[in-house]
């Protein structure tokens, strides 16, 4: 008896029909398990690529005034300001603080505050992973404690307000994630608060 004759005979019994339906379901499920990854993976890859290539929206960029802007976008918490600010429980933190600390979650994007040329991009003394920008006329800004491997600029790059520099971190002499924002005029550290206020960008 040939296979078609056996199949036809099996269909005439209730048990035979159940066996054939079960075999058909097993076949369809097996085919689905094989084909599903082949269909899903390309869609997942294309979706991830589309997300990675999406431009940064305007709401994620810092506020600017003229050629200058804030080094962080959106709201932030103020850490230590300029001057005498001891840190309890931190034996290596200097009491005489020569910058302005701004706190957002670890990994928040740090932006250039003004136009200039990058003179340092990497390990920089107690600042850890840092960027230094020369704005000309003896004026420089420093962005300290950024995450390792997060820098998006290199020495010699020309930047403007809002250029992404890296990600907020806690490298160097730091007791937690924050941005140490420092301003120097002719080699002298100056208070960032009145400096930024004079540019129409008051700090907290």
C-alpha atoms as a PDB file:
ATOM      1  CA  UNK A   1       0.000   0.000   0.000  1.00  0.00           C
ATOM      2  CA  UNK A   2       1.415   3.401  -1.011  1.00  0.00           C
ATOM      3  CA  UNK A   3       1.817   6.443   1.271  1.00  0.00           C
ATOM      4  CA  UNK A   4      -1.187   8.343  -0.203  1.00  0.00           C
ATOM      5  CA  UNK A   5      -3.411   5.293   0.379  1.00  0.00           C
ATOM      6  CA  UNK A   6      -2.210   5.004   4.009  1.00  0.00           C
ATOM      7  CA  UNK A   7      -2.812   8.751   4.619  1.00  0.00           C
ATOM      8  CA  UNK A   8      -6.284   8.530   3.101  1.00  0.00           C
ATOM      9  CA  UNK A   9      -7.078   5.527   5.284  1.00  0.00           C
ATOM     10  CA  UNK A  10      -5.801   7.330   8.370  1.00  0.00           C
ATOM     11  CA  UNK A  11      -8.091  10.288   7.698  1.00  0.00           C
ATOM     12  CA  UNK A  12     -11.103   7.956   7.947  1.00  0.00           C
ATOM     13  CA  UNK A  13     -10.423   7.322  11.665  1.00  0.00           C
ATOM     14  CA  UNK A  14     -10.638   9.783  14.572  1.00  0.00           C
ATOM     15  CA  UNK A  15      -7.227   8.734  15.917  1.00  0.00           C
ATOM     16  CA  UNK A  16      -5.649   9.084  12.485  1.00  0.00           C
ATOM     17  CA  UNK A  17      -7.031  12.579  12.056  1.00  0.00           C
ATOM     18  CA  UNK A  18      -5.679  13.607  15.491  1.00  0.00           C
ATOM     19  CA  UNK A  19      -2.240  12.268  14.622  1.00  0.00           C
ATOM     20  CA  UNK A  20      -2.178  14.115  11.292  1.00  0.00           C
ATOM     21  CA  UNK A  21      -3.357  17.411  12.883  1.00  0.00           C
ATOM     22  CA  UNK A  22      -0.731  17.030  15.616  1.00  0.00           C
ATOM     23  CA  UNK A  23       2.000  16.364  13.066  1.00  0.00           C
ATOM     24  CA  UNK A  24       0.888  19.392  11.045  1.00  0.00           C
ATOM     25  CA  UNK A  25       1.008  21.638  14.163  1.00  0.00           C
ATOM     26  CA  UNK A  26       4.476  20.378  15.074  1.00  0.00           C
ATOM     27  CA  UNK A  27       5.646  21.084  11.538  1.00  0.00           C
ATOM     28  CA  UNK A  28       4.205  24.634  11.543  1.00  0.00           C
ATOM     29  CA  UNK A  29       5.633  25.447  14.991  1.00  0.00           C
ATOM     30  CA  UNK A  30       9.057  24.128  14.004  1.00  0.00           C
ATOM     31  CA  UNK A  31       9.014  26.201  10.828  1.00  0.00           C
ATOM     32  CA  UNK A  32       7.980  29.283  12.824  1.00  0.00           C
ATOM     33  CA  UNK A  33      10.849  28.855  15.297  1.00  0.00           C
ATOM     34  CA  UNK A  34      13.288  28.615  12.407  1.00  0.00           C
ATOM     35  CA  UNK A  35      11.926  31.584  10.442  1.00  0.00           C
ATOM     36  CA  UNK A  36      11.209  33.951  13.358  1.00  0.00           C
ATOM     37  CA  UNK A  37      14.871  34.922  14.051  1.00  0.00           C
ATOM     38  CA  UNK A  38      15.487  35.399  10.330  1.00  0.00           C
ATOM     39  CA  UNK A  39      12.635  37.927  10.204  1.00  0.00           C
ATOM     40  CA  UNK A  40      13.044  39.599  13.614  1.00  0.00           C
ATOM     41  CA  UNK A  41      16.818  40.191  13.656  1.00  0.00           C
ATOM     42  CA  UNK A  42      16.961  42.459  10.567  1.00  0.00           C
ATOM     43  CA  UNK A  43      14.062  44.537  11.941  1.00  0.00           C
ATOM     44  CA  UNK A  44      15.797  44.838  15.327  1.00  0.00           C
ATOM     45  CA  UNK A  45      19.064  45.904  13.703  1.00  0.00           C
ATOM     46  CA  UNK A  46      17.369  48.483  11.486  1.00  0.00           C
ATOM     47  CA  UNK A  47      15.434  49.842  14.456  1.00  0.00           C
ATOM     48  CA  UNK A  48      18.595  50.189  16.561  1.00  0.00           C
ATOM     49  CA  UNK A  49      20.383  51.932  13.710  1.00  0.00           C
ATOM     50  CA  UNK A  50      17.521  54.359  13.247  1.00  0.00           C
ATOM     51  CA  UNK A  51      17.545  55.193  16.965  1.00  0.00           C
ATOM     52  CA  UNK A  52      21.328  55.665  17.036  1.00  0.00           C
ATOM     53  CA  UNK A  53      21.228  57.991  14.035  1.00  0.00           C
ATOM     54  CA  UNK A  54      18.445  60.206  15.326  1.00  0.00           C
ATOM     55  CA  UNK A  55      19.610  63.826  15.703  1.00  0.00           C
ATOM     56  CA  UNK A  56      19.662  65.421  19.139  1.00  0.00           C
ATOM     57  CA  UNK A  57      16.451  67.372  19.600  1.00  0.00           C
ATOM     58  CA  UNK A  58      16.443  71.072  20.450  1.00  0.00           C
ATOM     59  CA  UNK A  59      15.141  70.289  23.932  1.00  0.00           C
ATOM     60  CA  UNK A  60      18.383  68.430  24.693  1.00  0.00           C
ATOM     61  CA  UNK A  61      20.627  71.366  23.782  1.00  0.00           C
ATOM     62  CA  UNK A  62      21.772  73.966  26.326  1.00  0.00           C
ATOM     63  CA  UNK A  63      20.380  77.484  26.391  1.00  0.00           C
ATOM     64  CA  UNK A  64      22.621  80.031  24.647  1.00  0.00           C
ATOM     65  CA  UNK A  65      23.048  83.793  24.736  1.00  0.00           C
ATOM     66  CA  UNK A  66      24.978  85.171  21.792  1.00  0.00           C
ATOM     67  CA  UNK A  67      28.087  83.046  21.283  1.00  0.00           C
ATOM     68  CA  UNK A  68      27.963  81.496  24.762  1.00  0.00           C
ATOM     69  CA  UNK A  69      25.778  78.917  26.478  1.00  0.00           C
ATOM     70  CA  UNK A  70      25.469  76.694  29.514  1.00  0.00           C
ATOM     71  CA  UNK A  71      27.749  73.640  29.737  1.00  0.00           C
ATOM     72  CA  UNK A  72      24.762  71.428  30.624  1.00  0.00           C
ATOM     73  CA  UNK A  73      21.324  71.231  29.034  1.00  0.00           C
ATOM     74  CA  UNK A  74      18.252  71.612  31.200  1.00  0.00           C
ATOM     75  CA  UNK A  75      18.000  71.699  34.953  1.00  0.00           C
ATOM     76  CA  UNK A  76      20.878  70.798  37.251  1.00  0.00           C
ATOM     77  CA  UNK A  77      21.755  70.805  40.933  1.00  0.00           C
ATOM     78  CA  UNK A  78      24.427  73.154  42.200  1.00  0.00           C
ATOM     79  CA  UNK A  79      27.323  71.542  43.988  1.00  0.00           C
ATOM     80  CA  UNK A  80      30.222  73.548  45.371  1.00  0.00           C
ATOM     81  CA  UNK A  81      30.606  77.091  44.181  1.00  0.00           C
ATOM     82  CA  UNK A  82      33.749  79.184  43.877  1.00  0.00           C
ATOM     83  CA  UNK A  83      35.821  79.878  47.000  1.00  0.00           C
ATOM     84  CA  UNK A  84      35.947  78.256  50.430  1.00  0.00           C
ATOM     85  CA  UNK A  85      33.788  75.133  50.338  1.00  0.00           C
ATOM     86  CA  UNK A  86      35.138  72.230  52.424  1.00  0.00           C
ATOM     87  CA  UNK A  87      33.732  68.755  51.757  1.00  0.00           C
ATOM     88  CA  UNK A  88      32.981  66.733  54.873  1.00  0.00           C
ATOM     89  CA  UNK A  89      34.371  63.216  54.768  1.00  0.00           C
ATOM     90  CA  UNK A  90      36.602  63.880  51.745  1.00  0.00           C
ATOM     91  CA  UNK A  91      40.230  64.059  52.807  1.00  0.00           C
ATOM     92  CA  UNK A  92      41.549  64.765  49.296  1.00  0.00           C
ATOM     93  CA  UNK A  93      38.994  67.446  48.343  1.00  0.00           C
ATOM     94  CA  UNK A  94      40.461  70.932  48.484  1.00  0.00           C
ATOM     95  CA  UNK A  95      38.588  73.416  50.668  1.00  0.00           C
ATOM     96  CA  UNK A  96      39.494  76.281  48.359  1.00  0.00           C
ATOM     97  CA  UNK A  97      37.324  75.410  45.385  1.00  0.00           C
ATOM     98  CA  UNK A  98      38.275  77.178  42.163  1.00  0.00           C
ATOM     99  CA  UNK A  99      35.342  76.250  39.967  1.00  0.00           C
ATOM    100  CA  UNK A 100      31.605  75.708  39.892  1.00  0.00           C
ATOM    101  CA  UNK A 101      30.121  72.221  40.297  1.00  0.00           C
ATOM    102  CA  UNK A 102      26.988  71.308  38.348  1.00  0.00           C
ATOM    103  CA  UNK A 103      25.191  68.013  38.963  1.00  0.00           C
ATOM    104  CA  UNK A 104      23.085  65.997  36.558  1.00  0.00           C
ATOM    105  CA  UNK A 105      22.825  62.180  36.368  1.00  0.00           C
ATOM    106  CA  UNK A 106      26.032  60.314  35.493  1.00  0.00           C
ATOM    107  CA  UNK A 107      26.459  60.217  31.730  1.00  0.00           C
ATOM    108  CA  UNK A 108      24.710  63.527  31.035  1.00  0.00           C
ATOM    109  CA  UNK A 109      26.189  65.312  28.018  1.00  0.00           C
ATOM    110  CA  UNK A 110      28.655  68.114  28.729  1.00  0.00           C
ATOM    111  CA  UNK A 111      28.748  70.937  26.178  1.00  0.00           C
ATOM    112  CA  UNK A 112      31.243  73.656  25.264  1.00  0.00           C
ATOM    113  CA  UNK A 113      30.205  76.946  26.850  1.00  0.00           C
ATOM    114  CA  UNK A 114      31.716  79.142  24.152  1.00  0.00           C
ATOM    115  CA  UNK A 115      33.634  79.274  20.873  1.00  0.00           C
ATOM    116  CA  UNK A 116      37.283  78.308  20.832  1.00  0.00           C
ATOM    117  CA  UNK A 117      39.881  75.617  20.227  1.00  0.00           C
ATOM    118  CA  UNK A 118      40.413  72.461  22.280  1.00  0.00           C
ATOM    119  CA  UNK A 119      43.868  72.416  23.872  1.00  0.00           C
ATOM    120  CA  UNK A 120      43.407  69.440  26.233  1.00  0.00           C
ATOM    121  CA  UNK A 121      41.231  66.356  25.751  1.00  0.00           C
ATOM    122  CA  UNK A 122      42.009  63.547  28.183  1.00  0.00           C
ATOM    123  CA  UNK A 123      43.688  62.997  31.538  1.00  0.00           C
ATOM    124  CA  UNK A 124      44.406  66.381  33.143  1.00  0.00           C
ATOM    125  CA  UNK A 125      45.795  66.485  36.688  1.00  0.00           C
ATOM    126  CA  UNK A 126      43.120  66.323  39.440  1.00  0.00           C
ATOM    127  CA  UNK A 127      40.387  67.013  36.876  1.00  0.00           C
ATOM    128  CA  UNK A 128      40.492  63.410  35.658  1.00  0.00           C
ATOM    129  CA  UNK A 129      39.166  63.105  32.118  1.00  0.00           C
ATOM    130  CA  UNK A 130      38.812  66.716  31.049  1.00  0.00           C
ATOM    131  CA  UNK A 131      38.552  69.161  28.178  1.00  0.00           C
ATOM    132  CA  UNK A 132      40.207  72.582  28.118  1.00  0.00           C
ATOM    133  CA  UNK A 133      39.071  75.180  25.589  1.00  0.00           C
ATOM    134  CA  UNK A 134      41.080  78.257  24.635  1.00  0.00           C
ATOM    135  CA  UNK A 135      38.667  81.066  23.765  1.00  0.00           C
ATOM    136  CA  UNK A 136      41.367  83.579  22.858  1.00  0.00           C
ATOM    137  CA  UNK A 137      42.508  86.694  24.685  1.00  0.00           C
ATOM    138  CA  UNK A 138      43.846  84.648  27.610  1.00  0.00           C
ATOM    139  CA  UNK A 139      40.417  83.170  28.426  1.00  0.00           C
ATOM    140  CA  UNK A 140      40.010  79.400  28.901  1.00  0.00           C
ATOM    141  CA  UNK A 141      37.302  77.120  30.283  1.00  0.00           C
ATOM    142  CA  UNK A 142      37.826  73.688  31.850  1.00  0.00           C
ATOM    143  CA  UNK A 143      35.332  70.812  31.992  1.00  0.00           C
ATOM    144  CA  UNK A 144      36.478  68.286  34.583  1.00  0.00           C
ATOM    145  CA  UNK A 145      35.697  64.768  35.867  1.00  0.00           C
ATOM    146  CA  UNK A 146      34.090  63.442  32.665  1.00  0.00           C
ATOM    147  CA  UNK A 147      33.742  59.700  32.098  1.00  0.00           C
ATOM    148  CA  UNK A 148      36.667  57.857  30.540  1.00  0.00           C
ATOM    149  CA  UNK A 149      36.163  56.990  26.863  1.00  0.00           C
ATOM    150  CA  UNK A 150      33.340  59.541  26.587  1.00  0.00           C
ATOM    151  CA  UNK A 151      35.141  62.473  24.942  1.00  0.00           C
ATOM    152  CA  UNK A 152      33.783  63.545  21.567  1.00  0.00           C
ATOM    153  CA  UNK A 153      36.435  66.147  20.749  1.00  0.00           C
ATOM    154  CA  UNK A 154      40.211  66.115  20.348  1.00  0.00           C
ATOM    155  CA  UNK A 155      43.074  68.553  20.673  1.00  0.00           C
ATOM    156  CA  UNK A 156      42.937  71.143  17.911  1.00  0.00           C
ATOM    157  CA  UNK A 157      39.186  70.868  17.299  1.00  0.00           C
ATOM    158  CA  UNK A 158      37.283  74.109  16.841  1.00  0.00           C
ATOM    159  CA  UNK A 159      34.115  74.215  18.943  1.00  0.00           C
ATOM    160  CA  UNK A 160      31.225  76.563  19.582  1.00  0.00           C
ATOM    161  CA  UNK A 161      28.589  76.896  22.302  1.00  0.00           C
ATOM    162  CA  UNK A 162      26.603  73.679  22.389  1.00  0.00           C
ATOM    163  CA  UNK A 163      29.290  71.406  20.917  1.00  0.00           C
ATOM    164  CA  UNK A 164      29.098  68.069  22.813  1.00  0.00           C
ATOM    165  CA  UNK A 165      32.362  67.414  24.651  1.00  0.00           C
ATOM    166  CA  UNK A 166      31.740  64.222  26.605  1.00  0.00           C
ATOM    167  CA  UNK A 167      29.726  62.710  29.454  1.00  0.00           C
ATOM    168  CA  UNK A 168      29.472  63.742  33.079  1.00  0.00           C
ATOM    169  CA  UNK A 169      31.409  61.426  35.353  1.00  0.00           C
ATOM    170  CA  UNK A 170      33.505  61.172  38.501  1.00  0.00           C
ATOM    171  CA  UNK A 171      37.119  60.809  37.351  1.00  0.00           C
ATOM    172  CA  UNK A 172      40.124  62.439  39.002  1.00  0.00           C
ATOM    173  CA  UNK A 173      39.679  63.934  42.477  1.00  0.00           C
ATOM    174  CA  UNK A 174      35.936  63.636  42.645  1.00  0.00           C
ATOM    175  CA  UNK A 175      33.492  62.352  45.241  1.00  0.00           C
ATOM    176  CA  UNK A 176      30.603  61.728  42.817  1.00  0.00           C
ATOM    177  CA  UNK A 177      29.270  62.401  39.337  1.00  0.00           C
ATOM    178  CA  UNK A 178      29.299  66.100  38.490  1.00  0.00           C
ATOM    179  CA  UNK A 179      30.783  68.621  36.092  1.00  0.00           C
ATOM    180  CA  UNK A 180      33.541  70.849  37.412  1.00  0.00           C
ATOM    181  CA  UNK A 181      33.251  74.003  35.312  1.00  0.00           C
ATOM    182  CA  UNK A 182      36.204  76.369  35.621  1.00  0.00           C
ATOM    183  CA  UNK A 183      37.074  79.697  34.021  1.00  0.00           C
ATOM    184  CA  UNK A 184      40.561  81.210  33.844  1.00  0.00           C
ATOM    185  CA  UNK A 185      41.498  84.656  32.621  1.00  0.00           C
ATOM    186  CA  UNK A 186      45.202  85.120  31.830  1.00  0.00           C
ATOM    187  CA  UNK A 187      46.031  82.121  34.009  1.00  0.00           C
ATOM    188  CA  UNK A 188      43.980  83.328  36.989  1.00  0.00           C
ATOM    189  CA  UNK A 189      40.974  81.287  38.111  1.00  0.00           C
ATOM    190  CA  UNK A 190      37.879  83.496  38.255  1.00  0.00           C
ATOM    191  CA  UNK A 191      34.401  82.930  39.663  1.00  0.00           C
ATOM    192  CA  UNK A 192      32.213  81.381  36.933  1.00  0.00           C
ATOM    193  CA  UNK A 193      28.984  82.818  38.394  1.00  0.00           C
ATOM    194  CA  UNK A 194      29.564  86.539  37.666  1.00  0.00           C
ATOM    195  CA  UNK A 195      31.378  85.614  34.452  1.00  0.00           C
ATOM    196  CA  UNK A 196      28.374  83.719  33.101  1.00  0.00           C
ATOM    197  CA  UNK A 197      25.907  86.281  34.476  1.00  0.00           C
ATOM    198  CA  UNK A 198      27.667  89.013  32.497  1.00  0.00           C
ATOM    199  CA  UNK A 199      27.018  86.928  29.382  1.00  0.00           C
ATOM    200  CA  UNK A 200      23.303  86.719  30.168  1.00  0.00           C
ATOM    201  CA  UNK A 201      23.618  83.159  31.515  1.00  0.00           C
ATOM    202  CA  UNK A 202      23.133  83.290  35.293  1.00  0.00           C
ATOM    203  CA  UNK A 203      24.073  80.160  37.222  1.00  0.00           C
ATOM    204  CA  UNK A 204      22.182  78.962  40.292  1.00  0.00           C
END
